[in-house]
Amino acid sequence: MAMMAGAEISDTQPGLDSIFSALSDPTRRDILRRIRRYQLTITQIWEPYTNLTFAAVSKHLKVLEKAGFIIKRKIGRKQYVSLNPVAFKDAEGYLNYYTQFWESNLDSLKNYLEGGQDG
């Protein structure tokens, strides 16, 4: 666990591994991009991926669902998939910690370098 300006960040935060694992795959990132505005059926999600089987896309959706990025809803015979924006908060908090850390350190380096160093 690390601390920065009173904020704690945990590398063992539940779900963090599944979140970043889900985001590590380009197909899954593309699926998230495609459902960011509109819910789609599983078939609509699968159709553009001519190189993947329906089962492969379903597995991608299960990974995204386990990480909390998507919500599935069954309406009649169709299952709709939509984005769960709340799930991005854990990843955002983790990344913000490191953004603040590097911005602070880079500002210090800049000040040091501009403070009379002739290189």
N, C-alpha and C. Protein backbone atom coordinates (compact mmCIF):
# COMPACT_ATOMS: atom_id res chain seq x y z
N MET A 1 0.85 -1.18 0.00
CA MET A 1 0.00 0.00 0.00
C MET A 1 0.89 1.24 0.00
N ALA A 2 0.56 2.19 -0.81
CA ALA A 2 1.33 3.43 -0.91
C ALA A 2 0.45 4.59 -0.48
N MET A 3 1.09 5.68 -0.08
CA MET A 3 0.34 6.86 0.33
C MET A 3 0.84 8.06 -0.44
N MET A 4 -0.09 8.98 -0.73
CA MET A 4 0.29 10.24 -1.37
C MET A 4 -0.68 11.31 -0.93
N ALA A 5 -0.15 12.33 -0.35
CA ALA A 5 -0.94 13.49 0.07
C ALA A 5 -2.23 13.06 0.77
N GLY A 6 -2.09 12.12 1.71
CA GLY A 6 -3.25 11.69 2.49
C GLY A 6 -4.10 10.64 1.81
N ALA A 7 -3.82 10.31 0.56
CA ALA A 7 -4.62 9.32 -0.15
C ALA A 7 -3.89 7.98 -0.15
N GLU A 8 -4.64 6.92 0.03
CA GLU A 8 -4.06 5.59 -0.01
C GLU A 8 -4.42 4.91 -1.31
N ILE A 9 -3.49 4.12 -1.81
CA ILE A 9 -3.74 3.31 -3.00
C ILE A 9 -3.26 1.90 -2.68
N SER A 10 -4.06 0.92 -3.01
CA SER A 10 -3.72 -0.46 -2.71
C SER A 10 -3.52 -1.25 -3.99
N ASP A 11 -2.39 -1.96 -4.06
CA ASP A 11 -2.16 -2.83 -5.20
C ASP A 11 -2.96 -4.12 -5.09
N THR A 12 -3.55 -4.36 -3.93
CA THR A 12 -4.33 -5.57 -3.73
C THR A 12 -5.83 -5.28 -3.70
N GLN A 13 -6.22 -4.15 -4.23
CA GLN A 13 -7.63 -3.76 -4.28
C GLN A 13 -8.42 -4.85 -5.01
N PRO A 14 -9.52 -5.32 -4.43
CA PRO A 14 -10.29 -6.38 -5.08
C PRO A 14 -10.71 -5.98 -6.50
N GLY A 15 -10.51 -6.87 -7.42
CA GLY A 15 -10.94 -6.63 -8.79
C GLY A 15 -9.95 -5.90 -9.67
N LEU A 16 -8.89 -5.35 -9.10
CA LEU A 16 -7.94 -4.57 -9.89
C LEU A 16 -7.28 -5.42 -10.98
N ASP A 17 -6.91 -6.65 -10.64
CA ASP A 17 -6.29 -7.52 -11.64
C ASP A 17 -7.26 -7.83 -12.78
N SER A 18 -8.52 -8.11 -12.45
CA SER A 18 -9.49 -8.42 -13.51
C SER A 18 -9.81 -7.20 -14.35
N ILE A 19 -9.77 -6.02 -13.75
CA ILE A 19 -10.01 -4.78 -14.49
C ILE A 19 -8.93 -4.56 -15.54
N PHE A 20 -7.67 -4.61 -15.12
CA PHE A 20 -6.58 -4.35 -16.06
C PHE A 20 -6.39 -5.51 -17.04
N SER A 21 -6.69 -6.72 -16.61
CA SER A 21 -6.64 -7.86 -17.53
C SER A 21 -7.69 -7.69 -18.63
N ALA A 22 -8.88 -7.27 -18.24
CA ALA A 22 -9.95 -7.06 -19.22
C ALA A 22 -9.57 -5.97 -20.21
N LEU A 23 -8.94 -4.92 -19.72
CA LEU A 23 -8.56 -3.80 -20.60
C LEU A 23 -7.33 -4.10 -21.45
N SER A 24 -6.63 -5.18 -21.17
CA SER A 24 -5.39 -5.48 -21.89
C SER A 24 -5.63 -6.04 -23.29
N ASP A 25 -6.85 -6.44 -23.58
CA ASP A 25 -7.15 -7.06 -24.88
C ASP A 25 -7.79 -6.05 -25.83
N PRO A 26 -7.26 -5.93 -27.06
CA PRO A 26 -7.80 -4.94 -28.01
C PRO A 26 -9.25 -5.22 -28.42
N THR A 27 -9.64 -6.48 -28.49
CA THR A 27 -11.04 -6.79 -28.84
C THR A 27 -11.97 -6.32 -27.75
N ARG A 28 -11.59 -6.55 -26.50
CA ARG A 28 -12.44 -6.12 -25.39
C ARG A 28 -12.51 -4.59 -25.31
N ARG A 29 -11.39 -3.92 -25.56
CA ARG A 29 -11.43 -2.45 -25.58
C ARG A 29 -12.34 -1.95 -26.70
N ASP A 30 -12.30 -2.63 -27.85
CA ASP A 30 -13.16 -2.24 -28.96
C ASP A 30 -14.64 -2.45 -28.62
N ILE A 31 -14.94 -3.54 -27.95
CA ILE A 31 -16.32 -3.79 -27.52
C ILE A 31 -16.78 -2.67 -26.60
N LEU A 32 -15.95 -2.29 -25.65
CA LEU A 32 -16.32 -1.19 -24.74
C LEU A 32 -16.54 0.11 -25.51
N ARG A 33 -15.68 0.36 -26.49
CA ARG A 33 -15.83 1.58 -27.31
C ARG A 33 -17.17 1.55 -28.05
N ARG A 34 -17.53 0.39 -28.57
CA ARG A 34 -18.76 0.29 -29.36
C ARG A 34 -20.03 0.42 -28.52
N ILE A 35 -19.98 0.04 -27.25
CA ILE A 35 -21.19 0.13 -26.43
C ILE A 35 -21.19 1.35 -25.51
N ARG A 36 -20.26 2.26 -25.73
CA ARG A 36 -20.17 3.41 -24.82
C ARG A 36 -21.40 4.31 -24.89
N ARG A 37 -22.09 4.35 -26.01
CA ARG A 37 -23.27 5.23 -26.14
C ARG A 37 -24.59 4.46 -26.22
N TYR A 38 -24.54 3.27 -26.79
CA TYR A 38 -25.78 2.52 -27.03
C TYR A 38 -25.63 1.09 -26.57
N GLN A 39 -26.68 0.55 -26.00
CA GLN A 39 -26.66 -0.87 -25.68
C GLN A 39 -26.83 -1.66 -26.98
N LEU A 40 -26.17 -2.80 -27.06
CA LEU A 40 -26.24 -3.65 -28.24
C LEU A 40 -26.58 -5.06 -27.80
N THR A 41 -27.17 -5.83 -28.71
CA THR A 41 -27.38 -7.25 -28.43
C THR A 41 -26.04 -7.96 -28.58
N ILE A 42 -25.95 -9.14 -28.05
CA ILE A 42 -24.72 -9.91 -28.18
C ILE A 42 -24.43 -10.19 -29.65
N THR A 43 -25.46 -10.46 -30.42
CA THR A 43 -25.29 -10.69 -31.87
C THR A 43 -24.75 -9.44 -32.55
N GLN A 44 -25.27 -8.27 -32.21
CA GLN A 44 -24.77 -7.02 -32.80
C GLN A 44 -23.31 -6.78 -32.44
N ILE A 45 -22.93 -7.16 -31.23
CA ILE A 45 -21.53 -7.02 -30.83
C ILE A 45 -20.65 -7.96 -31.64
N TRP A 46 -21.11 -9.17 -31.87
CA TRP A 46 -20.33 -10.20 -32.56
C TRP A 46 -20.18 -9.94 -34.05
N GLU A 47 -21.18 -9.39 -34.71
CA GLU A 47 -21.22 -9.28 -36.18
C GLU A 47 -19.97 -8.68 -36.83
N PRO A 48 -19.37 -7.61 -36.33
CA PRO A 48 -18.20 -7.04 -37.01
C PRO A 48 -16.93 -7.90 -36.91
N TYR A 49 -16.90 -8.83 -35.98
CA TYR A 49 -15.70 -9.63 -35.75
C TYR A 49 -15.74 -10.91 -36.59
N THR A 50 -15.51 -10.74 -37.88
CA THR A 50 -15.60 -11.88 -38.82
C THR A 50 -14.53 -12.93 -38.55
N ASN A 51 -13.47 -12.55 -37.85
CA ASN A 51 -12.40 -13.50 -37.55
C ASN A 51 -12.61 -14.25 -36.24
N LEU A 52 -13.71 -13.94 -35.52
CA LEU A 52 -13.98 -14.58 -34.23
C LEU A 52 -15.29 -15.35 -34.27
N THR A 53 -15.33 -16.45 -33.54
CA THR A 53 -16.58 -17.18 -33.41
C THR A 53 -17.49 -16.48 -32.41
N PHE A 54 -18.75 -16.84 -32.45
CA PHE A 54 -19.69 -16.29 -31.48
C PHE A 54 -19.26 -16.66 -30.06
N ALA A 55 -18.77 -17.88 -29.88
CA ALA A 55 -18.31 -18.34 -28.57
C ALA A 55 -17.12 -17.51 -28.07
N ALA A 56 -16.21 -17.13 -28.97
CA ALA A 56 -15.06 -16.32 -28.58
C ALA A 56 -15.51 -14.95 -28.10
N VAL A 57 -16.46 -14.34 -28.80
CA VAL A 57 -16.97 -13.03 -28.38
C VAL A 57 -17.70 -13.17 -27.05
N SER A 58 -18.43 -14.25 -26.87
CA SER A 58 -19.11 -14.48 -25.59
C SER A 58 -18.11 -14.58 -24.44
N LYS A 59 -16.97 -15.20 -24.69
CA LYS A 59 -15.94 -15.29 -23.65
C LYS A 59 -15.38 -13.90 -23.32
N HIS A 60 -15.18 -13.09 -24.35
CA HIS A 60 -14.74 -11.71 -24.11
C HIS A 60 -15.75 -10.97 -23.25
N LEU A 61 -17.02 -11.16 -23.54
CA LEU A 61 -18.07 -10.49 -22.77
C LEU A 61 -18.09 -10.98 -21.32
N LYS A 62 -17.81 -12.25 -21.10
CA LYS A 62 -17.76 -12.77 -19.73
C LYS A 62 -16.62 -12.14 -18.95
N VAL A 63 -15.48 -11.94 -19.60
CA VAL A 63 -14.34 -11.29 -18.94
C VAL A 63 -14.72 -9.85 -18.57
N LEU A 64 -15.35 -9.14 -19.50
CA LEU A 64 -15.77 -7.76 -19.24
C LEU A 64 -16.82 -7.69 -18.14
N GLU A 65 -17.72 -8.66 -18.13
CA GLU A 65 -18.76 -8.70 -17.10
C GLU A 65 -18.14 -8.99 -15.72
N LYS A 66 -17.21 -9.93 -15.66
CA LYS A 66 -16.54 -10.26 -14.40
C LYS A 66 -15.80 -9.04 -13.84
N ALA A 67 -15.20 -8.25 -14.72
CA ALA A 67 -14.48 -7.04 -14.30
C ALA A 67 -15.44 -5.91 -13.96
N GLY A 68 -16.72 -6.07 -14.28
CA GLY A 68 -17.71 -5.06 -13.94
C GLY A 68 -17.91 -3.98 -14.98
N PHE A 69 -17.32 -4.16 -16.17
CA PHE A 69 -17.41 -3.12 -17.20
C PHE A 69 -18.73 -3.12 -17.96
N ILE A 70 -19.42 -4.26 -17.98
CA ILE A 70 -20.67 -4.32 -18.73
C ILE A 70 -21.80 -4.87 -17.86
N ILE A 71 -23.00 -4.55 -18.30
CA ILE A 71 -24.21 -5.06 -17.67
C ILE A 71 -25.01 -5.75 -18.76
N LYS A 72 -25.44 -6.98 -18.50
CA LYS A 72 -26.28 -7.71 -19.45
C LYS A 72 -27.72 -7.69 -18.94
N ARG A 73 -28.64 -7.43 -19.88
CA ARG A 73 -30.07 -7.44 -19.56
C ARG A 73 -30.80 -8.26 -20.61
N LYS A 74 -31.65 -9.14 -20.15
CA LYS A 74 -32.44 -9.94 -21.07
C LYS A 74 -33.80 -9.31 -21.24
N ILE A 75 -34.14 -9.02 -22.49
CA ILE A 75 -35.45 -8.46 -22.82
C ILE A 75 -36.04 -9.37 -23.89
N GLY A 76 -37.06 -10.11 -23.50
CA GLY A 76 -37.62 -11.10 -24.42
C GLY A 76 -36.59 -12.19 -24.69
N ARG A 77 -36.33 -12.44 -25.95
CA ARG A 77 -35.34 -13.46 -26.33
C ARG A 77 -33.94 -12.90 -26.48
N LYS A 78 -33.82 -11.61 -26.47
CA LYS A 78 -32.51 -10.98 -26.72
C LYS A 78 -31.85 -10.55 -25.43
N GLN A 79 -30.53 -10.66 -25.46
CA GLN A 79 -29.74 -10.19 -24.33
C GLN A 79 -28.99 -8.94 -24.78
N TYR A 80 -29.18 -7.85 -24.03
CA TYR A 80 -28.56 -6.57 -24.36
C TYR A 80 -27.37 -6.32 -23.43
N VAL A 81 -26.37 -5.69 -24.00
CA VAL A 81 -25.15 -5.38 -23.25
C VAL A 81 -24.97 -3.87 -23.24
N SER A 82 -24.73 -3.33 -22.06
CA SER A 82 -24.48 -1.89 -21.94
C SER A 82 -23.26 -1.67 -21.06
N LEU A 83 -22.71 -0.48 -21.16
CA LEU A 83 -21.53 -0.11 -20.40
C LEU A 83 -21.91 0.22 -18.97
N ASN A 84 -21.10 -0.18 -18.03
CA ASN A 84 -21.27 0.16 -16.63
C ASN A 84 -20.20 1.18 -16.26
N PRO A 85 -20.50 2.47 -16.34
CA PRO A 85 -19.48 3.49 -16.11
C PRO A 85 -18.88 3.48 -14.70
N VAL A 86 -19.61 2.95 -13.74
CA VAL A 86 -19.12 2.90 -12.36
C VAL A 86 -17.86 2.05 -12.27
N ALA A 87 -17.76 1.03 -13.10
CA ALA A 87 -16.62 0.11 -13.04
C ALA A 87 -15.30 0.78 -13.36
N PHE A 88 -15.33 1.87 -14.08
CA PHE A 88 -14.09 2.56 -14.46
C PHE A 88 -13.48 3.32 -13.28
N LYS A 89 -14.23 3.53 -12.22
CA LYS A 89 -13.75 4.31 -11.07
C LYS A 89 -12.54 3.68 -10.40
N ASP A 90 -12.53 2.35 -10.25
CA ASP A 90 -11.39 1.69 -9.59
C ASP A 90 -10.12 1.88 -10.40
N ALA A 91 -10.21 1.69 -11.71
CA ALA A 91 -9.04 1.87 -12.57
C ALA A 91 -8.61 3.34 -12.55
N GLU A 92 -9.58 4.24 -12.59
CA GLU A 92 -9.27 5.66 -12.58
C GLU A 92 -8.55 6.07 -11.29
N GLY A 93 -9.02 5.58 -10.16
CA GLY A 93 -8.37 5.90 -8.89
C GLY A 93 -6.94 5.40 -8.84
N TYR A 94 -6.72 4.20 -9.32
CA TYR A 94 -5.38 3.63 -9.33
C TYR A 94 -4.45 4.44 -10.24
N LEU A 95 -4.93 4.77 -11.42
CA LEU A 95 -4.12 5.53 -12.37
C LEU A 95 -3.90 6.97 -11.91
N ASN A 96 -4.91 7.57 -11.28
CA ASN A 96 -4.77 8.95 -10.78
C ASN A 96 -3.67 9.06 -9.74
N TYR A 97 -3.54 8.04 -8.89
CA TYR A 97 -2.48 8.05 -7.90
C TYR A 97 -1.13 8.21 -8.58
N TYR A 98 -0.90 7.41 -9.62
CA TYR A 98 0.40 7.47 -10.30
C TYR A 98 0.54 8.73 -11.15
N THR A 99 -0.55 9.24 -11.67
CA THR A 99 -0.50 10.50 -12.41
C THR A 99 -0.05 11.62 -11.47
N GLN A 100 -0.64 11.68 -10.29
CA GLN A 100 -0.25 12.70 -9.31
C GLN A 100 1.21 12.53 -8.89
N PHE A 101 1.62 11.28 -8.69
CA PHE A 101 3.00 11.00 -8.30
C PHE A 101 3.97 11.51 -9.36
N TRP A 102 3.71 11.17 -10.63
CA TRP A 102 4.64 11.57 -11.69
C TRP A 102 4.59 13.06 -11.97
N GLU A 103 3.42 13.66 -11.92
CA GLU A 103 3.34 15.11 -12.13
C GLU A 103 4.14 15.85 -11.08
N SER A 104 4.03 15.41 -9.84
CA SER A 104 4.77 16.04 -8.74
C SER A 104 6.27 15.87 -8.94
N ASN A 105 6.68 14.67 -9.28
CA ASN A 105 8.11 14.42 -9.47
C ASN A 105 8.66 15.10 -10.72
N LEU A 106 7.88 15.15 -11.77
CA LEU A 106 8.34 15.84 -12.98
C LEU A 106 8.41 17.35 -12.77
N ASP A 107 7.48 17.89 -12.00
CA ASP A 107 7.54 19.32 -11.65
C ASP A 107 8.81 19.61 -10.85
N SER A 108 9.14 18.73 -9.91
CA SER A 108 10.36 18.91 -9.12
C SER A 108 11.59 18.84 -10.01
N LEU A 109 11.61 17.90 -10.94
CA LEU A 109 12.73 17.78 -11.86
C LEU A 109 12.85 19.03 -12.73
N LYS A 110 11.72 19.52 -13.23
CA LYS A 110 11.73 20.74 -14.05
C LYS A 110 12.29 21.92 -13.26
N ASN A 111 11.82 22.08 -12.03
CA ASN A 111 12.31 23.17 -11.18
C ASN A 111 13.81 23.04 -10.93
N TYR A 112 14.26 21.85 -10.71
CA TYR A 112 15.68 21.60 -10.48
C TYR A 112 16.49 21.96 -11.72
N LEU A 113 16.02 21.50 -12.88
CA LEU A 113 16.74 21.74 -14.13
C LEU A 113 16.73 23.21 -14.52
N GLU A 114 15.65 23.91 -14.22
CA GLU A 114 15.57 25.33 -14.56
C GLU A 114 16.25 26.21 -13.51
N GLY A 115 16.65 25.62 -12.43
CA GLY A 115 17.22 26.39 -11.33
C GLY A 115 18.71 26.62 -11.42
N GLY A 116 19.24 26.89 -12.59
CA GLY A 116 20.64 27.26 -12.70
C GLY A 116 21.53 26.17 -13.25
N GLN A 117 20.97 25.06 -13.64
CA GLN A 117 21.78 24.01 -14.24
C GLN A 117 22.10 24.41 -15.67
N ASP A 118 23.38 24.40 -16.04
CA ASP A 118 23.78 24.76 -17.39
C ASP A 118 23.91 23.56 -18.30
N GLY A 119 23.78 22.34 -17.79
CA GLY A 119 23.81 21.13 -18.58
C GLY A 119 25.12 20.94 -19.17
